[in-house]
């Protein structure tokens, strides 16, 4: 297995471990994982081509769908809601 895929597996394990943390402790490692993902996807693409990169991108989108939806809504100027922080 190539180094890029090994790093991708470690990234998935780190993201899974981060998901088990309480919400207030998820932010710092989650931000690091979110920033590292494009670099890792580029590395996977460079070594394995577009189809493996598409699969890795789908896995990334699946694991980080809520933060990505939040960032997209914020970028478009739409109202955002954060569970546990909004008033009823």
PDB file of N, CA and C in Angstrom:
ATOM      1  N   UNK A   1       0.860  -1.169   0.000  1.00  0.00           N
ATOM      2  CA  UNK A   1       0.000   0.000   0.000  1.00  0.00           C
ATOM      3  C   UNK A   1       0.906   1.232   0.000  1.00  0.00           C
ATOM      4  N   UNK A   2       0.488   2.244  -0.717  1.00  0.00           N
ATOM      5  CA  UNK A   2       1.312   3.443  -0.845  1.00  0.00           C
ATOM      6  C   UNK A   2       1.234   4.307   0.416  1.00  0.00           C
ATOM      7  N   UNK A   3       2.187   5.211   0.533  1.00  0.00           N
ATOM      8  CA  UNK A   3       2.244   6.095   1.693  1.00  0.00           C
ATOM      9  C   UNK A   3       1.012   6.998   1.771  1.00  0.00           C
ATOM     10  N   UNK A   4       0.513   7.447   0.641  1.00  0.00           N
ATOM     11  CA  UNK A   4      -0.653   8.333   0.663  1.00  0.00           C
ATOM     12  C   UNK A   4      -1.887   7.620   1.207  1.00  0.00           C
ATOM     13  N   UNK A   5      -2.074   6.355   0.839  1.00  0.00           N
ATOM     14  CA  UNK A   5      -3.217   5.608   1.348  1.00  0.00           C
ATOM     15  C   UNK A   5      -3.050   5.242   2.819  1.00  0.00           C
ATOM     16  N   UNK A   6      -1.834   4.987   3.245  1.00  0.00           N
ATOM     17  CA  UNK A   6      -1.576   4.745   4.670  1.00  0.00           C
ATOM     18  C   UNK A   6      -1.902   5.993   5.477  1.00  0.00           C
ATOM     19  N   UNK A   7      -1.469   7.154   4.993  1.00  0.00           N
ATOM     20  CA  UNK A   7      -1.796   8.412   5.670  1.00  0.00           C
ATOM     21  C   UNK A   7      -3.299   8.666   5.654  1.00  0.00           C
ATOM     22  N   UNK A   8      -3.951   8.290   4.568  1.00  0.00           N
ATOM     23  CA  UNK A   8      -5.403   8.420   4.498  1.00  0.00           C
ATOM     24  C   UNK A   8      -6.097   7.553   5.531  1.00  0.00           C
ATOM     25  N   UNK A   9      -5.591   6.340   5.737  1.00  0.00           N
ATOM     26  CA  UNK A   9      -6.164   5.464   6.768  1.00  0.00           C
ATOM     27  C   UNK A   9      -5.969   6.049   8.155  1.00  0.00           C
ATOM     28  N   UNK A  10      -4.799   6.610   8.422  1.00  0.00           N
ATOM     29  CA  UNK A  10      -4.575   7.256   9.717  1.00  0.00           C
ATOM     30  C   UNK A  10      -5.470   8.474   9.887  1.00  0.00           C
ATOM     31  N   UNK A  11      -5.711   9.201   8.792  1.00  0.00           N
ATOM     32  CA  UNK A  11      -6.605  10.357   8.865  1.00  0.00           C
ATOM     33  C   UNK A  11      -8.015   9.907   9.234  1.00  0.00           C
ATOM     34  N   UNK A  12      -8.478   8.812   8.639  1.00  0.00           N
ATOM     35  CA  UNK A  12      -9.813   8.284   8.949  1.00  0.00           C
ATOM     36  C   UNK A  12      -9.886   7.843  10.411  1.00  0.00           C
ATOM     37  N   UNK A  13      -8.851   7.173  10.900  1.00  0.00           N
ATOM     38  CA  UNK A  13      -8.841   6.755  12.306  1.00  0.00           C
ATOM     39  C   UNK A  13      -8.843   7.968  13.238  1.00  0.00           C
ATOM     40  N   UNK A  14      -8.078   9.002  12.892  1.00  0.00           N
ATOM     41  CA  UNK A  14      -8.058  10.216  13.713  1.00  0.00           C
ATOM     42  C   UNK A  14      -9.416  10.909  13.692  1.00  0.00           C
ATOM     43  N   UNK A  15     -10.070  10.948  12.543  1.00  0.00           N
ATOM     44  CA  UNK A  15     -11.393  11.568  12.446  1.00  0.00           C
ATOM     45  C   UNK A  15     -12.424  10.777  13.252  1.00  0.00           C
ATOM     46  N   UNK A  16     -12.316   9.463  13.229  1.00  0.00           N
ATOM     47  CA  UNK A  16     -13.232   8.631  14.001  1.00  0.00           C
ATOM     48  C   UNK A  16     -13.007   8.818  15.496  1.00  0.00           C
ATOM     49  N   UNK A  17     -11.755   8.879  15.919  1.00  0.00           N
ATOM     50  CA  UNK A  17     -11.452   9.116  17.335  1.00  0.00           C
ATOM     51  C   UNK A  17     -11.946  10.493  17.769  1.00  0.00           C
ATOM     52  N   UNK A  18     -11.827  11.480  16.890  1.00  0.00           N
ATOM     53  CA  UNK A  18     -12.305  12.825  17.198  1.00  0.00           C
ATOM     54  C   UNK A  18     -13.817  12.842  17.375  1.00  0.00           C
ATOM     55  N   UNK A  19     -14.522  12.035  16.603  1.00  0.00           N
ATOM     56  CA  UNK A  19     -15.984  11.986  16.703  1.00  0.00           C
ATOM     57  C   UNK A  19     -16.446  11.443  18.047  1.00  0.00           C
ATOM     58  N   UNK A  20     -15.617  10.654  18.711  1.00  0.00           N
ATOM     59  CA  UNK A  20     -15.983  10.110  20.016  1.00  0.00           C
ATOM     60  C   UNK A  20     -15.798  11.117  21.147  1.00  0.00           C
ATOM     61  N   UNK A  21     -15.097  12.207  20.895  1.00  0.00           N
ATOM     62  CA  UNK A  21     -14.869  13.219  21.924  1.00  0.00           C
ATOM     63  C   UNK A  21     -16.145  14.013  22.180  1.00  0.00           C
ATOM     64  N   UNK A  22     -16.276  14.609  23.370  1.00  0.00           N
ATOM     65  CA  UNK A  22     -17.397  15.529  23.592  1.00  0.00           C
ATOM     66  C   UNK A  22     -17.307  16.701  22.614  1.00  0.00           C
ATOM     67  N   UNK A  23     -18.453  17.288  22.290  1.00  0.00           N
ATOM     68  CA  UNK A  23     -18.511  18.310  21.248  1.00  0.00           C
ATOM     69  C   UNK A  23     -17.530  19.464  21.494  1.00  0.00           C
ATOM     70  N   UNK A  24     -17.394  19.906  22.714  1.00  0.00           N
ATOM     71  CA  UNK A  24     -16.521  21.050  22.979  1.00  0.00           C
ATOM     72  C   UNK A  24     -15.041  20.725  22.759  1.00  0.00           C
ATOM     73  N   UNK A  25     -14.695  19.433  22.794  1.00  0.00           N
ATOM     74  CA  UNK A  25     -13.307  19.023  22.560  1.00  0.00           C
ATOM     75  C   UNK A  25     -13.053  18.601  21.117  1.00  0.00           C
ATOM     76  N   UNK A  26     -14.078  18.585  20.290  1.00  0.00           N
ATOM     77  CA  UNK A  26     -13.914  18.170  18.900  1.00  0.00           C
ATOM     78  C   UNK A  26     -13.341  19.268  18.007  1.00  0.00           C
ATOM     79  N   UNK A  27     -13.510  20.525  18.383  1.00  0.00           N
ATOM     80  CA  UNK A  27     -13.148  21.613  17.486  1.00  0.00           C
ATOM     81  C   UNK A  27     -11.664  21.672  17.123  1.00  0.00           C
ATOM     82  N   UNK A  28     -10.721  21.686  18.077  1.00  0.00           N
ATOM     83  CA  UNK A  28      -9.313  21.788  17.656  1.00  0.00           C
ATOM     84  C   UNK A  28      -8.845  20.648  16.749  1.00  0.00           C
ATOM     85  N   UNK A  29      -9.064  19.370  17.120  1.00  0.00           N
ATOM     86  CA  UNK A  29      -8.608  18.332  16.188  1.00  0.00           C
ATOM     87  C   UNK A  29      -9.420  18.305  14.892  1.00  0.00           C
ATOM     88  N   UNK A  30     -10.689  18.683  14.972  1.00  0.00           N
ATOM     89  CA  UNK A  30     -11.514  18.718  13.766  1.00  0.00           C
ATOM     90  C   UNK A  30     -11.026  19.746  12.760  1.00  0.00           C
ATOM     91  N   UNK A  31     -10.619  20.906  13.255  1.00  0.00           N
ATOM     92  CA  UNK A  31     -10.074  21.952  12.373  1.00  0.00           C
ATOM     93  C   UNK A  31      -8.778  21.472  11.724  1.00  0.00           C
ATOM     94  N   UNK A  32      -7.931  20.829  12.509  1.00  0.00           N
ATOM     95  CA  UNK A  32      -6.668  20.311  11.953  1.00  0.00           C
ATOM     96  C   UNK A  32      -6.956  19.273  10.864  1.00  0.00           C
ATOM     97  N   UNK A  33      -7.897  18.375  11.122  1.00  0.00           N
ATOM     98  CA  UNK A  33      -8.253  17.367  10.124  1.00  0.00           C
ATOM     99  C   UNK A  33      -8.869  18.005   8.884  1.00  0.00           C
ATOM    100  N   UNK A  34      -9.688  19.023   9.097  1.00  0.00           N
ATOM    101  CA  UNK A  34     -10.325  19.707   7.970  1.00  0.00           C
ATOM    102  C   UNK A  34      -9.292  20.425   7.099  1.00  0.00           C
ATOM    103  N   UNK A  35      -8.276  20.990   7.703  1.00  0.00           N
ATOM    104  CA  UNK A  35      -7.213  21.675   6.951  1.00  0.00           C
ATOM    105  C   UNK A  35      -6.294  20.665   6.268  1.00  0.00           C
ATOM    106  N   UNK A  36      -6.036  19.540   6.914  1.00  0.00           N
ATOM    107  CA  UNK A  36      -5.133  18.527   6.354  1.00  0.00           C
ATOM    108  C   UNK A  36      -5.751  17.763   5.189  1.00  0.00           C
ATOM    109  N   UNK A  37      -7.074  17.693   5.135  1.00  0.00           N
ATOM    110  CA  UNK A  37      -7.745  16.877   4.121  1.00  0.00           C
ATOM    111  C   UNK A  37      -7.410  17.266   2.682  1.00  0.00           C
ATOM    112  N   UNK A  38      -7.462  18.552   2.298  1.00  0.00           N
ATOM    113  CA  UNK A  38      -7.130  18.867   0.892  1.00  0.00           C
ATOM    114  C   UNK A  38      -5.704  18.485   0.508  1.00  0.00           C
ATOM    115  N   UNK A  39      -4.758  18.649   1.433  1.00  0.00           N
ATOM    116  CA  UNK A  39      -3.372  18.249   1.145  1.00  0.00           C
ATOM    117  C   UNK A  39      -3.281  16.739   0.949  1.00  0.00           C
ATOM    118  N   UNK A  40      -3.955  15.999   1.810  1.00  0.00           N
ATOM    119  CA  UNK A  40      -3.947  14.550   1.698  1.00  0.00           C
ATOM    120  C   UNK A  40      -4.651  14.084   0.425  1.00  0.00           C
ATOM    121  N   UNK A  41      -5.759  14.729   0.073  1.00  0.00           N
ATOM    122  CA  UNK A  41      -6.458  14.382  -1.171  1.00  0.00           C
ATOM    123  C   UNK A  41      -5.587  14.663  -2.391  1.00  0.00           C
ATOM    124  N   UNK A  42      -4.866  15.761  -2.370  1.00  0.00           N
ATOM    125  CA  UNK A  42      -3.960  16.074  -3.479  1.00  0.00           C
ATOM    126  C   UNK A  42      -2.849  15.034  -3.584  1.00  0.00           C
ATOM    127  N   UNK A  43      -2.324  14.622  -2.449  1.00  0.00           N
ATOM    128  CA  UNK A  43      -1.269  13.607  -2.424  1.00  0.00           C
ATOM    129  C   UNK A  43      -1.787  12.269  -2.961  1.00  0.00           C
ATOM    130  N   UNK A  44      -2.990  11.894  -2.542  1.00  0.00           N
ATOM    131  CA  UNK A  44      -3.604  10.663  -3.059  1.00  0.00           C
ATOM    132  C   UNK A  44      -3.827  10.779  -4.566  1.00  0.00           C
ATOM    133  N   UNK A  45      -4.301  11.929  -5.020  1.00  0.00           N
ATOM    134  CA  UNK A  45      -4.516  12.141  -6.445  1.00  0.00           C
ATOM    135  C   UNK A  45      -3.241  12.079  -7.245  1.00  0.00           C
ATOM    136  N   UNK A  46      -2.178  12.613  -6.694  1.00  0.00           N
ATOM    137  CA  UNK A  46      -0.889  12.616  -7.381  1.00  0.00           C
ATOM    138  C   UNK A  46      -0.363  11.193  -7.547  1.00  0.00           C
ATOM    139  N   UNK A  47      -0.581  10.343  -6.533  1.00  0.00           N
ATOM    140  CA  UNK A  47      -0.048   8.989  -6.600  1.00  0.00           C
ATOM    141  C   UNK A  47      -0.975   7.988  -7.305  1.00  0.00           C
ATOM    142  N   UNK A  48      -2.301   8.219  -7.226  1.00  0.00           N
ATOM    143  CA  UNK A  48      -3.212   7.176  -7.685  1.00  0.00           C
ATOM    144  C   UNK A  48      -4.196   7.605  -8.768  1.00  0.00           C
ATOM    145  N   UNK A  49      -4.268   8.855  -9.086  1.00  0.00           N
ATOM    146  CA  UNK A  49      -5.162   9.287 -10.150  1.00  0.00           C
ATOM    147  C   UNK A  49      -6.515   9.752  -9.640  1.00  0.00           C
ATOM    148  N   UNK A  50      -7.363  10.110 -10.601  1.00  0.00           N
ATOM    149  CA  UNK A  50      -8.606  10.805 -10.296  1.00  0.00           C
ATOM    150  C   UNK A  50      -9.643   9.906  -9.614  1.00  0.00           C
ATOM    151  N   UNK A  51      -9.751   8.634  -9.998  1.00  0.00           N
ATOM    152  CA  UNK A  51     -10.841   7.805  -9.475  1.00  0.00           C
ATOM    153  C   UNK A  51     -10.664   7.467  -8.002  1.00  0.00           C
ATOM    154  N   UNK A  52      -9.461   7.195  -7.592  1.00  0.00           N
ATOM    155  CA  UNK A  52      -9.204   6.945  -6.168  1.00  0.00           C
ATOM    156  C   UNK A  52      -9.392   8.243  -5.382  1.00  0.00           C
ATOM    157  N   UNK A  53      -9.020   9.369  -5.983  1.00  0.00           N
ATOM    158  CA  UNK A  53      -9.221  10.663  -5.327  1.00  0.00           C
ATOM    159  C   UNK A  53     -10.705  10.965  -5.161  1.00  0.00           C
ATOM    160  N   UNK A  54     -11.511  10.628  -6.155  1.00  0.00           N
ATOM    161  CA  UNK A  54     -12.962  10.827  -6.045  1.00  0.00           C
ATOM    162  C   UNK A  54     -13.521   9.988  -4.897  1.00  0.00           C
ATOM    163  N   UNK A  55     -13.078   8.747  -4.778  1.00  0.00           N
ATOM    164  CA  UNK A  55     -13.524   7.908  -3.663  1.00  0.00           C
ATOM    165  C   UNK A  55     -13.103   8.505  -2.317  1.00  0.00           C
ATOM    166  N   UNK A  56     -11.873   8.999  -2.242  1.00  0.00           N
ATOM    167  CA  UNK A  56     -11.401   9.620  -0.999  1.00  0.00           C
ATOM    168  C   UNK A  56     -12.179  10.903  -0.709  1.00  0.00           C
ATOM    169  N   UNK A  57     -12.514  11.661  -1.738  1.00  0.00           N
ATOM    170  CA  UNK A  57     -13.292  12.887  -1.559  1.00  0.00           C
ATOM    171  C   UNK A  57     -14.700  12.570  -1.059  1.00  0.00           C
ATOM    172  N   UNK A  58     -15.292  11.508  -1.558  1.00  0.00           N
ATOM    173  CA  UNK A  58     -16.612  11.091  -1.074  1.00  0.00           C
ATOM    174  C   UNK A  58     -16.555  10.657   0.390  1.00  0.00           C
ATOM    175  N   UNK A  59     -15.495   9.954   0.760  1.00  0.00           N
ATOM    176  CA  UNK A  59     -15.335   9.551   2.164  1.00  0.00           C
ATOM    177  C   UNK A  59     -15.153  10.783   3.050  1.00  0.00           C
ATOM    178  N   UNK A  60     -14.366  11.742   2.603  1.00  0.00           N
ATOM    179  CA  UNK A  60     -14.167  12.986   3.346  1.00  0.00           C
ATOM    180  C   UNK A  60     -15.482  13.734   3.498  1.00  0.00           C
ATOM    181  N   UNK A  61     -16.231  13.847   2.426  1.00  0.00           N
ATOM    182  CA  UNK A  61     -17.514  14.542   2.477  1.00  0.00           C
ATOM    183  C   UNK A  61     -18.511  13.850   3.387  1.00  0.00           C
ATOM    184  N   UNK A  62     -18.453  12.536   3.436  1.00  0.00           N
ATOM    185  CA  UNK A  62     -19.338  11.788   4.315  1.00  0.00           C
ATOM    186  C   UNK A  62     -19.005  12.024   5.779  1.00  0.00           C
ATOM    187  N   UNK A  63     -17.729  12.062   6.092  1.00  0.00           N
ATOM    188  CA  UNK A  63     -17.318  12.223   7.487  1.00  0.00           C
ATOM    189  C   UNK A  63     -17.462  13.658   7.980  1.00  0.00           C
ATOM    190  N   UNK A  64     -17.316  14.625   7.097  1.00  0.00           N
ATOM    191  CA  UNK A  64     -17.342  16.034   7.492  1.00  0.00           C
ATOM    192  C   UNK A  64     -18.524  16.771   6.879  1.00  0.00           C
ATOM    193  N   UNK A  65     -19.645  16.083   6.668  1.00  0.00           N
ATOM    194  CA  UNK A  65     -20.779  16.716   5.998  1.00  0.00           C
ATOM    195  C   UNK A  65     -21.350  17.878   6.809  1.00  0.00           C
ATOM    196  N   UNK A  66     -21.491  17.736   8.116  1.00  0.00           N
ATOM    197  CA  UNK A  66     -22.078  18.823   8.899  1.00  0.00           C
ATOM    198  C   UNK A  66     -21.191  20.068   8.938  1.00  0.00           C
ATOM    199  N   UNK A  67     -19.878  19.959   9.186  1.00  0.00           N
ATOM    200  CA  UNK A  67     -19.054  21.169   9.121  1.00  0.00           C
ATOM    201  C   UNK A  67     -19.034  21.791   7.725  1.00  0.00           C
ATOM    202  N   UNK A  68     -19.051  20.956   6.682  1.00  0.00           N
ATOM    203  CA  UNK A  68     -19.045  21.497   5.322  1.00  0.00           C
ATOM    204  C   UNK A  68     -20.360  22.206   4.997  1.00  0.00           C
ATOM    205  N   UNK A  69     -21.485  21.656   5.458  1.00  0.00           N
ATOM    206  CA  UNK A  69     -22.778  22.323   5.266  1.00  0.00           C
ATOM    207  C   UNK A  69     -22.789  23.649   6.010  1.00  0.00           C
ATOM    208  N   UNK A  70     -22.271  23.651   7.239  1.00  0.00           N
ATOM    209  CA  UNK A  70     -22.202  24.882   8.026  1.00  0.00           C
ATOM    210  C   UNK A  70     -21.369  25.942   7.303  1.00  0.00           C
ATOM    211  N   UNK A  71     -20.185  25.563   6.828  1.00  0.00           N
ATOM    212  CA  UNK A  71     -19.314  26.524   6.142  1.00  0.00           C
ATOM    213  C   UNK A  71     -19.942  27.019   4.840  1.00  0.00           C
ATOM    214  N   UNK A  72     -20.622  26.144   4.113  1.00  0.00           N
ATOM    215  CA  UNK A  72     -21.267  26.554   2.863  1.00  0.00           C
ATOM    216  C   UNK A  72     -22.407  27.532   3.138  1.00  0.00           C
ATOM    217  N   UNK A  73     -23.226  27.247   4.146  1.00  0.00           N
ATOM    218  CA  UNK A  73     -24.335  28.157   4.482  1.00  0.00           C
ATOM    219  C   UNK A  73     -23.793  29.493   4.974  1.00  0.00           C
ATOM    220  N   UNK A  74     -22.735  29.453   5.742  1.00  0.00           N
ATOM    221  CA  UNK A  74     -22.127  30.695   6.246  1.00  0.00           C
ATOM    222  C   UNK A  74     -21.550  31.521   5.094  1.00  0.00           C
ATOM    223  N   UNK A  75     -20.920  30.849   4.124  1.00  0.00           N
ATOM    224  CA  UNK A  75     -20.335  31.548   2.979  1.00  0.00           C
ATOM    225  C   UNK A  75     -21.403  32.176   2.094  1.00  0.00           C
ATOM    226  N   UNK A  76     -22.584  31.542   2.020  1.00  0.00           N
ATOM    227  CA  UNK A  76     -23.666  32.077   1.201  1.00  0.00           C
ATOM    228  C   UNK A  76     -24.504  33.109   1.944  1.00  0.00           C
ATOM    229  N   UNK A  77     -24.199  33.342   3.219  1.00  0.00           N
ATOM    230  CA  UNK A  77     -24.933  34.330   3.990  1.00  0.00           C
ATOM    231  C   UNK A  77     -26.267  33.847   4.513  1.00  0.00           C
ATOM    232  N   UNK A  78     -26.490  32.558   4.496  1.00  0.00           N
ATOM    233  CA  UNK A  78     -27.741  31.997   5.003  1.00  0.00           C
ATOM    234  C   UNK A  78     -27.624  31.793   6.514  1.00  0.00           C
ATOM    235  N   UNK A  79     -28.765  31.758   7.202  1.00  0.00           N
ATOM    236  CA  UNK A  79     -28.704  31.533   8.655  1.00  0.00           C
ATOM    237  C   UNK A  79     -28.221  30.114   8.956  1.00  0.00           C
ATOM    238  N   UNK A  80     -27.439  30.011  10.023  1.00  0.00           N
ATOM    239  CA  UNK A  80     -26.910  28.722  10.432  1.00  0.00           C
ATOM    240  C   UNK A  80     -27.408  28.402  11.832  1.00  0.00           C
ATOM    241  N   UNK A  81     -27.528  27.131  12.110  1.00  0.00           N
ATOM    242  CA  UNK A  81     -27.902  26.702  13.449  1.00  0.00           C
ATOM    243  C   UNK A  81     -26.892  25.704  13.944  1.00  0.00           C
ATOM    244  N   UNK A  82     -26.563  25.838  15.217  1.00  0.00           N
ATOM    245  CA  UNK A  82     -25.635  24.918  15.855  1.00  0.00           C
ATOM    246  C   UNK A  82     -26.407  24.196  16.943  1.00  0.00           C
ATOM    247  N   UNK A  83     -26.486  22.869  16.876  1.00  0.00           N
ATOM    248  CA  UNK A  83     -27.240  22.134  17.892  1.00  0.00           C
ATOM    249  C   UNK A  83     -26.693  22.396  19.287  1.00  0.00           C
ATOM    250  N   UNK A  84     -27.604  22.656  20.219  1.00  0.00           N
ATOM    251  CA  UNK A  84     -27.200  22.883  21.588  1.00  0.00           C
ATOM    252  C   UNK A  84     -26.854  24.323  21.910  1.00  0.00           C
ATOM    253  N   UNK A  85     -26.738  25.166  20.911  1.00  0.00           N
ATOM    254  CA  UNK A  85     -26.368  26.553  21.141  1.00  0.00           C
ATOM    255  C   UNK A  85     -27.494  27.529  20.803  1.00  0.00           C
ATOM    256  N   UNK A  86     -28.469  27.077  20.050  1.00  0.00           N
ATOM    257  CA  UNK A  86     -29.561  27.960  19.654  1.00  0.00           C
ATOM    258  C   UNK A  86     -30.643  27.955  20.721  1.00  0.00           C
ATOM    259  N   UNK A  87     -31.290  29.074  20.839  1.00  0.00           N
ATOM    260  CA  UNK A  87     -32.408  29.167  21.776  1.00  0.00           C
ATOM    261  C   UNK A  87     -33.661  28.641  21.097  1.00  0.00           C
ATOM    262  N   UNK A  88     -34.568  28.024  21.874  1.00  0.00           N
ATOM    263  CA  UNK A  88     -35.792  27.464  21.264  1.00  0.00           C
ATOM    264  C   UNK A  88     -36.723  28.508  20.719  1.00  0.00           C
TER     265      UNK A  88
END
